[in-house]
Amino acid sequence: MLAGSLAALRRRLVRGIGLAALALTASCSSDEATGPVPADEVSVRNNSFSPATRTVAVGTTVTFRWSPSANTHNVTFADGPTSPDQSSGTYTRTFAAAGNFPYQCSLHAGMTGTITVN
């Protein structure tokens, strides 16, 4: 009886650890070049944003981080704020209001994304 109870407890523990790992993985995106991307970051890579879409809470500061081998890019929002043209470093923007905020690299057609703020 004791062996059966221990086996059941072990299965529940393993299942719980697996669910916790899944939840942690779901909170981050992955960038093939640099690994996991925190939920408040977007990786700027050669001709793509990763992930291109993010959903964040009002008041969140999103960091756009250039990957080490990135070409020169910028982050240009339809409502005005723009990063400089750069090939390394970061650019941040704080989203004070709810809405959809499309952005693009004005140097490369098709390099677009959206920050959704709830």
C-alpha atoms as a PDB file:
ATOM      1  CA  MET A   1       0.000   0.000   0.000  1.00  0.00           C
ATOM      2  CA  LEU A   2       2.792   2.412   0.940  1.00  0.00           C
ATOM      3  CA  ALA A   3       4.629   1.704  -2.336  1.00  0.00           C
ATOM      4  CA  GLY A   4       1.470   2.505  -4.315  1.00  0.00           C
ATOM      5  CA  SER A   5       0.990   5.792  -2.438  1.00  0.00           C
ATOM      6  CA  LEU A   6       4.590   6.801  -3.047  1.00  0.00           C
ATOM      7  CA  ALA A   7       4.290   6.005  -6.742  1.00  0.00           C
ATOM      8  CA  ALA A   8       1.116   8.114  -7.004  1.00  0.00           C
ATOM      9  CA  LEU A   9       2.797  10.973  -5.159  1.00  0.00           C
ATOM     10  CA  ARG A  10       5.817  10.737  -7.468  1.00  0.00           C
ATOM     11  CA  ARG A  11       3.561  10.898 -10.573  1.00  0.00           C
ATOM     12  CA  ARG A  12       1.764  13.991  -9.217  1.00  0.00           C
ATOM     13  CA  LEU A  13       5.082  15.668  -8.433  1.00  0.00           C
ATOM     14  CA  VAL A  14       6.483  14.972 -11.906  1.00  0.00           C
ATOM     15  CA  ARG A  15       3.243  16.205 -13.517  1.00  0.00           C
ATOM     16  CA  GLY A  16       3.371  19.398 -11.426  1.00  0.00           C
ATOM     17  CA  ILE A  17       6.981  20.078 -12.375  1.00  0.00           C
ATOM     18  CA  GLY A  18       6.115  19.504 -16.033  1.00  0.00           C
ATOM     19  CA  LEU A  19       3.193  21.945 -15.872  1.00  0.00           C
ATOM     20  CA  ALA A  20       5.354  24.559 -14.153  1.00  0.00           C
ATOM     21  CA  ALA A  21       8.015  24.211 -16.853  1.00  0.00           C
ATOM     22  CA  LEU A  22       5.375  24.539 -19.568  1.00  0.00           C
ATOM     23  CA  ALA A  23       3.973  27.714 -17.985  1.00  0.00           C
ATOM     24  CA  LEU A  24       7.453  29.223 -17.730  1.00  0.00           C
ATOM     25  CA  THR A  25       8.198  28.394 -21.361  1.00  0.00           C
ATOM     26  CA  ALA A  26       4.900  29.915 -22.502  1.00  0.00           C
ATOM     27  CA  SER A  27       5.769  33.254 -20.891  1.00  0.00           C
ATOM     28  CA  CYS A  28       8.805  33.684 -23.149  1.00  0.00           C
ATOM     29  CA  SER A  29       9.253  33.560 -26.894  1.00  0.00           C
ATOM     30  CA  SER A  30      12.319  32.079 -28.463  1.00  0.00           C
ATOM     31  CA  ASP A  31      14.764  33.706 -30.804  1.00  0.00           C
ATOM     32  CA  GLU A  32      16.795  31.068 -32.659  1.00  0.00           C
ATOM     33  CA  ALA A  33      19.887  33.258 -32.617  1.00  0.00           C
ATOM     34  CA  THR A  34      19.876  34.294 -28.970  1.00  0.00           C
ATOM     35  CA  GLY A  35      17.505  31.955 -27.111  1.00  0.00           C
ATOM     36  CA  PRO A  36      14.473  32.925 -25.012  1.00  0.00           C
ATOM     37  CA  VAL A  37      13.147  36.458 -25.423  1.00  0.00           C
ATOM     38  CA  PRO A  38      11.597  37.918 -22.223  1.00  0.00           C
ATOM     39  CA  ALA A  39       7.904  38.829 -22.412  1.00  0.00           C
ATOM     40  CA  ASP A  40       8.696  42.565 -22.529  1.00  0.00           C
ATOM     41  CA  GLU A  41      11.326  42.358 -25.310  1.00  0.00           C
ATOM     42  CA  VAL A  42      11.444  42.096 -29.080  1.00  0.00           C
ATOM     43  CA  SER A  43      14.587  40.880 -30.816  1.00  0.00           C
ATOM     44  CA  VAL A  44      15.659  42.882 -33.871  1.00  0.00           C
ATOM     45  CA  ARG A  45      17.308  40.478 -36.273  1.00  0.00           C
ATOM     46  CA  ASN A  46      18.278  40.522 -39.904  1.00  0.00           C
ATOM     47  CA  ASN A  47      15.064  41.566 -41.625  1.00  0.00           C
ATOM     48  CA  SER A  48      12.679  40.425 -38.892  1.00  0.00           C
ATOM     49  CA  PHE A  49      11.356  41.247 -35.441  1.00  0.00           C
ATOM     50  CA  SER A  50      11.062  38.265 -33.097  1.00  0.00           C
ATOM     51  CA  PRO A  51       8.346  37.935 -32.046  1.00  0.00           C
ATOM     52  CA  ALA A  52       6.687  40.419 -34.384  1.00  0.00           C
ATOM     53  CA  THR A  53       3.632  40.720 -32.138  1.00  0.00           C
ATOM     54  CA  ARG A  54       3.556  41.199 -28.362  1.00  0.00           C
ATOM     55  CA  THR A  55       0.706  41.734 -25.923  1.00  0.00           C
ATOM     56  CA  VAL A  56       1.591  43.720 -22.800  1.00  0.00           C
ATOM     57  CA  ALA A  57      -0.176  45.532 -19.972  1.00  0.00           C
ATOM     58  CA  VAL A  58      -0.646  49.308 -19.848  1.00  0.00           C
ATOM     59  CA  GLY A  59       2.472  50.886 -18.369  1.00  0.00           C
ATOM     60  CA  THR A  60       4.877  48.235 -19.711  1.00  0.00           C
ATOM     61  CA  THR A  61       8.213  49.309 -21.162  1.00  0.00           C
ATOM     62  CA  VAL A  62       9.096  47.162 -24.174  1.00  0.00           C
ATOM     63  CA  THR A  63      12.768  46.818 -25.095  1.00  0.00           C
ATOM     64  CA  PHE A  64      13.763  46.258 -28.715  1.00  0.00           C
ATOM     65  CA  ARG A  65      17.142  44.493 -28.580  1.00  0.00           C
ATOM     66  CA  TRP A  66      19.364  44.202 -31.647  1.00  0.00           C
ATOM     67  CA  SER A  67      20.880  40.731 -32.023  1.00  0.00           C
ATOM     68  CA  PRO A  68      24.676  40.646 -32.259  1.00  0.00           C
ATOM     69  CA  SER A  69      24.742  40.021 -36.013  1.00  0.00           C
ATOM     70  CA  ALA A  70      21.918  42.392 -37.004  1.00  0.00           C
ATOM     71  CA  ASN A  71      22.131  44.713 -39.964  1.00  0.00           C
ATOM     72  CA  THR A  72      21.189  48.359 -39.515  1.00  0.00           C
ATOM     73  CA  HIS A  73      17.488  48.679 -38.620  1.00  0.00           C
ATOM     74  CA  ASN A  74      15.122  51.075 -36.878  1.00  0.00           C
ATOM     75  CA  VAL A  75      11.813  50.794 -35.049  1.00  0.00           C
ATOM     76  CA  THR A  76       9.261  53.265 -36.388  1.00  0.00           C
ATOM     77  CA  PHE A  77       5.795  53.523 -34.839  1.00  0.00           C
ATOM     78  CA  ALA A  78       2.790  54.798 -36.805  1.00  0.00           C
ATOM     79  CA  ASP A  79       1.997  57.239 -33.958  1.00  0.00           C
ATOM     80  CA  GLY A  80       5.403  58.894 -34.011  1.00  0.00           C
ATOM     81  CA  PRO A  81       8.183  57.544 -31.759  1.00  0.00           C
ATOM     82  CA  THR A  82      11.149  56.258 -33.736  1.00  0.00           C
ATOM     83  CA  SER A  83      14.456  54.682 -32.843  1.00  0.00           C
ATOM     84  CA  PRO A  84      17.636  55.788 -34.542  1.00  0.00           C
ATOM     85  CA  ASP A  85      19.056  53.652 -37.348  1.00  0.00           C
ATOM     86  CA  GLN A  86      21.359  51.264 -35.493  1.00  0.00           C
ATOM     87  CA  SER A  87      22.964  47.817 -35.769  1.00  0.00           C
ATOM     88  CA  SER A  88      23.408  47.108 -32.047  1.00  0.00           C
ATOM     89  CA  GLY A  89      22.057  48.112 -28.672  1.00  0.00           C
ATOM     90  CA  THR A  90      18.490  48.673 -27.538  1.00  0.00           C
ATOM     91  CA  TYR A  91      15.531  50.997 -27.937  1.00  0.00           C
ATOM     92  CA  THR A  92      12.715  51.224 -25.379  1.00  0.00           C
ATOM     93  CA  ARG A  93       9.180  52.542 -25.405  1.00  0.00           C
ATOM     94  CA  THR A  94       6.716  52.706 -22.526  1.00  0.00           C
ATOM     95  CA  PHE A  95       3.066  52.129 -23.460  1.00  0.00           C
ATOM     96  CA  ALA A  96       0.884  54.345 -21.256  1.00  0.00           C
ATOM     97  CA  ALA A  97      -2.442  53.653 -22.991  1.00  0.00           C
ATOM     98  CA  ALA A  98      -4.335  50.631 -24.286  1.00  0.00           C
ATOM     99  CA  GLY A  99      -4.477  49.991 -28.018  1.00  0.00           C
ATOM    100  CA  ASN A 100      -2.676  48.467 -30.973  1.00  0.00           C
ATOM    101  CA  PHE A 101       0.663  50.018 -31.876  1.00  0.00           C
ATOM    102  CA  PRO A 102       1.957  48.887 -35.282  1.00  0.00           C
ATOM    103  CA  TYR A 103       5.653  49.370 -35.984  1.00  0.00           C
ATOM    104  CA  GLN A 104       8.096  48.733 -38.800  1.00  0.00           C
ATOM    105  CA  CYS A 105      11.687  49.105 -39.896  1.00  0.00           C
ATOM    106  CA  SER A 106      11.523  51.909 -42.445  1.00  0.00           C
ATOM    107  CA  LEU A 107      14.718  50.581 -44.044  1.00  0.00           C
ATOM    108  CA  HIS A 108      13.331  47.125 -44.937  1.00  0.00           C
ATOM    109  CA  ALA A 109       9.946  46.512 -46.569  1.00  0.00           C
ATOM    110  CA  GLY A 110       7.932  43.809 -44.840  1.00  0.00           C
ATOM    111  CA  MET A 111       9.764  44.095 -41.513  1.00  0.00           C
ATOM    112  CA  THR A 112       6.722  44.881 -39.359  1.00  0.00           C
ATOM    113  CA  GLY A 113       5.069  44.083 -36.058  1.00  0.00           C
ATOM    114  CA  THR A 114       2.450  45.178 -33.528  1.00  0.00           C
ATOM    115  CA  ILE A 115       2.447  45.796 -29.795  1.00  0.00           C
ATOM    116  CA  THR A 116      -1.028  45.230 -28.331  1.00  0.00           C
ATOM    117  CA  VAL A 117      -1.540  46.977 -24.999  1.00  0.00           C
ATOM    118  CA  ASN A 118      -4.391  45.853 -22.700  1.00  0.00           C
END
